[in-house]
Amino acid sequence: MRIAKVISGPRPRHQEGGFATLIIIVILSLLLIYLMGNVRTLHYLGRDLRMVEVQQQRRLQRQAPVLVTTFQTAGFATATNSPSTNAAPSSPLR
């Protein structure tokens, strides 16, 4: 006579461990996808920033001679960074 095994109680632990591992792998893969997207975006932003900087430097180099000649032909003296010897120093407390 055969007696069938009756399974009662909780499931064995080795089946639950596989499911937890699968969840961890899925979460890690989502984080890596997010991280790679951010790295790519930062790369493109840095490249665009360098391009804008080069464009601005070229634009300013083209405008610099025009600004100097316009400033001089308008009758203005050339600007210096040193204060005039006759001018009294201004006090911020006045």
Foldseek 3Di string as FASTA:
>chain_A
DDDDDDDDDDDDPVVVVVVVVVVVVVVVVVVVVVVVVVVVVVVVVVVVVVVVVVVVVVVCVVCVVVVVVVCVVVPHDDDDPDDDPPDDDDDPVD
